């Protein structure tokens, strides 16, 4: 499975940071952001503001998983 880690730089609350995620997670973030009419950066900012002490990359992965679970539990959203 060719899903190596990709590092991207984003600005969150006025500060630049690098986030390392596998390409499928970057793709999922783009899809979720588009569905919510947000930029990926804005979506990451929201995830960051709610993550507490959790590592940002981990928080993003958990967010993507939860989004998938939520959509699968709703009829007609599979």
C-alpha atoms as a PDB file:
ATOM      1  CA  UNK A   1       0.000   0.000   0.000  1.00  0.00           C
ATOM      2  CA  UNK A   2       1.713   3.195  -1.167  1.00  0.00           C
ATOM      3  CA  UNK A   3       0.591   5.612   1.489  1.00  0.00           C
ATOM      4  CA  UNK A   4       3.790   7.156   2.767  1.00  0.00           C
ATOM      5  CA  UNK A   5       3.878  10.010   5.217  1.00  0.00           C
ATOM      6  CA  UNK A   6       3.596  13.481   3.705  1.00  0.00           C
ATOM      7  CA  UNK A   7       4.639  16.546   5.675  1.00  0.00           C
ATOM      8  CA  UNK A   8       2.771  19.767   4.975  1.00  0.00           C
ATOM      9  CA  UNK A   9       3.138  23.206   6.473  1.00  0.00           C
ATOM     10  CA  UNK A  10       0.027  25.049   7.644  1.00  0.00           C
ATOM     11  CA  UNK A  11      -0.738  28.191   9.572  1.00  0.00           C
ATOM     12  CA  UNK A  12      -2.845  27.735  12.713  1.00  0.00           C
ATOM     13  CA  UNK A  13      -3.842  30.728  14.820  1.00  0.00           C
ATOM     14  CA  UNK A  14      -1.122  32.771  13.120  1.00  0.00           C
ATOM     15  CA  UNK A  15       1.656  30.225  13.717  1.00  0.00           C
ATOM     16  CA  UNK A  16       3.260  27.973  11.091  1.00  0.00           C
ATOM     17  CA  UNK A  17       3.479  24.290  11.924  1.00  0.00           C
ATOM     18  CA  UNK A  18       4.260  21.105  10.041  1.00  0.00           C
ATOM     19  CA  UNK A  19       1.878  18.171  10.054  1.00  0.00           C
ATOM     20  CA  UNK A  20       2.865  14.668   8.986  1.00  0.00           C
ATOM     21  CA  UNK A  21       0.046  12.423   7.742  1.00  0.00           C
ATOM     22  CA  UNK A  22      -0.389   9.589   5.290  1.00  0.00           C
ATOM     23  CA  UNK A  23      -1.788  10.678   1.896  1.00  0.00           C
ATOM     24  CA  UNK A  24      -5.194   8.979   2.497  1.00  0.00           C
ATOM     25  CA  UNK A  25      -5.680  11.205   5.559  1.00  0.00           C
ATOM     26  CA  UNK A  26      -4.783  14.329   3.549  1.00  0.00           C
ATOM     27  CA  UNK A  27      -7.303  13.235   0.909  1.00  0.00           C
ATOM     28  CA  UNK A  28      -9.983  12.631   3.537  1.00  0.00           C
ATOM     29  CA  UNK A  29      -9.303  16.054   5.094  1.00  0.00           C
ATOM     30  CA  UNK A  30      -9.755  17.707   1.689  1.00  0.00           C
ATOM     31  CA  UNK A  31     -13.056  15.863   1.187  1.00  0.00           C
ATOM     32  CA  UNK A  32     -14.357  16.748   4.652  1.00  0.00           C
ATOM     33  CA  UNK A  33     -13.310  20.390   4.252  1.00  0.00           C
ATOM     34  CA  UNK A  34     -15.075  20.588   0.867  1.00  0.00           C
ATOM     35  CA  UNK A  35     -18.236  19.057   2.333  1.00  0.00           C
ATOM     36  CA  UNK A  36     -18.198  21.697   5.077  1.00  0.00           C
ATOM     37  CA  UNK A  37     -17.272  24.558   2.717  1.00  0.00           C
ATOM     38  CA  UNK A  38     -14.007  25.149   4.578  1.00  0.00           C
ATOM     39  CA  UNK A  39     -10.383  25.285   3.575  1.00  0.00           C
ATOM     40  CA  UNK A  40      -8.224  22.415   4.823  1.00  0.00           C
ATOM     41  CA  UNK A  41      -6.325  24.959   6.914  1.00  0.00           C
ATOM     42  CA  UNK A  42      -9.551  26.189   8.563  1.00  0.00           C
ATOM     43  CA  UNK A  43     -10.626  22.607   9.282  1.00  0.00           C
ATOM     44  CA  UNK A  44      -7.240  21.822  10.829  1.00  0.00           C
ATOM     45  CA  UNK A  45      -7.592  24.985  12.925  1.00  0.00           C
ATOM     46  CA  UNK A  46     -10.915  23.710  14.284  1.00  0.00           C
ATOM     47  CA  UNK A  47      -9.451  20.293  15.041  1.00  0.00           C
ATOM     48  CA  UNK A  48      -6.489  21.984  16.753  1.00  0.00           C
ATOM     49  CA  UNK A  49      -8.738  24.114  18.955  1.00  0.00           C
ATOM     50  CA  UNK A  50     -10.600  21.027  20.224  1.00  0.00           C
ATOM     51  CA  UNK A  51      -7.753  18.529  20.615  1.00  0.00           C
ATOM     52  CA  UNK A  52      -6.628  19.293  24.155  1.00  0.00           C
ATOM     53  CA  UNK A  53      -3.221  17.739  24.882  1.00  0.00           C
ATOM     54  CA  UNK A  54      -3.447  15.216  22.035  1.00  0.00           C
ATOM     55  CA  UNK A  55      -0.805  15.328  19.294  1.00  0.00           C
ATOM     56  CA  UNK A  56      -2.198  17.250  16.287  1.00  0.00           C
ATOM     57  CA  UNK A  57      -1.495  14.525  13.721  1.00  0.00           C
ATOM     58  CA  UNK A  58      -3.200  11.970  15.969  1.00  0.00           C
ATOM     59  CA  UNK A  59      -6.131  14.308  16.549  1.00  0.00           C
ATOM     60  CA  UNK A  60      -6.566  14.688  12.783  1.00  0.00           C
ATOM     61  CA  UNK A  61      -6.535  10.921  12.251  1.00  0.00           C
ATOM     62  CA  UNK A  62      -9.127  10.426  15.008  1.00  0.00           C
ATOM     63  CA  UNK A  63     -11.251  13.245  13.543  1.00  0.00           C
ATOM     64  CA  UNK A  64     -11.192  11.622  10.084  1.00  0.00           C
ATOM     65  CA  UNK A  65     -12.122   8.242  11.583  1.00  0.00           C
ATOM     66  CA  UNK A  66     -14.988   9.785  13.567  1.00  0.00           C
ATOM     67  CA  UNK A  67     -16.278  11.596  10.488  1.00  0.00           C
ATOM     68  CA  UNK A  68     -16.323   8.289   8.590  1.00  0.00           C
ATOM     69  CA  UNK A  69     -18.107   6.510  11.446  1.00  0.00           C
ATOM     70  CA  UNK A  70     -20.686   9.304  11.673  1.00  0.00           C
ATOM     71  CA  UNK A  71     -21.395   9.147   7.936  1.00  0.00           C
ATOM     72  CA  UNK A  72     -21.653   5.342   7.946  1.00  0.00           C
ATOM     73  CA  UNK A  73     -24.160   5.439  10.794  1.00  0.00           C
ATOM     74  CA  UNK A  74     -26.501   7.756   8.843  1.00  0.00           C
ATOM     75  CA  UNK A  75     -28.797   6.143   6.284  1.00  0.00           C
ATOM     76  CA  UNK A  76     -28.079   7.263   2.724  1.00  0.00           C
ATOM     77  CA  UNK A  77     -24.565   8.569   3.471  1.00  0.00           C
ATOM     78  CA  UNK A  78     -22.551   5.477   2.603  1.00  0.00           C
END
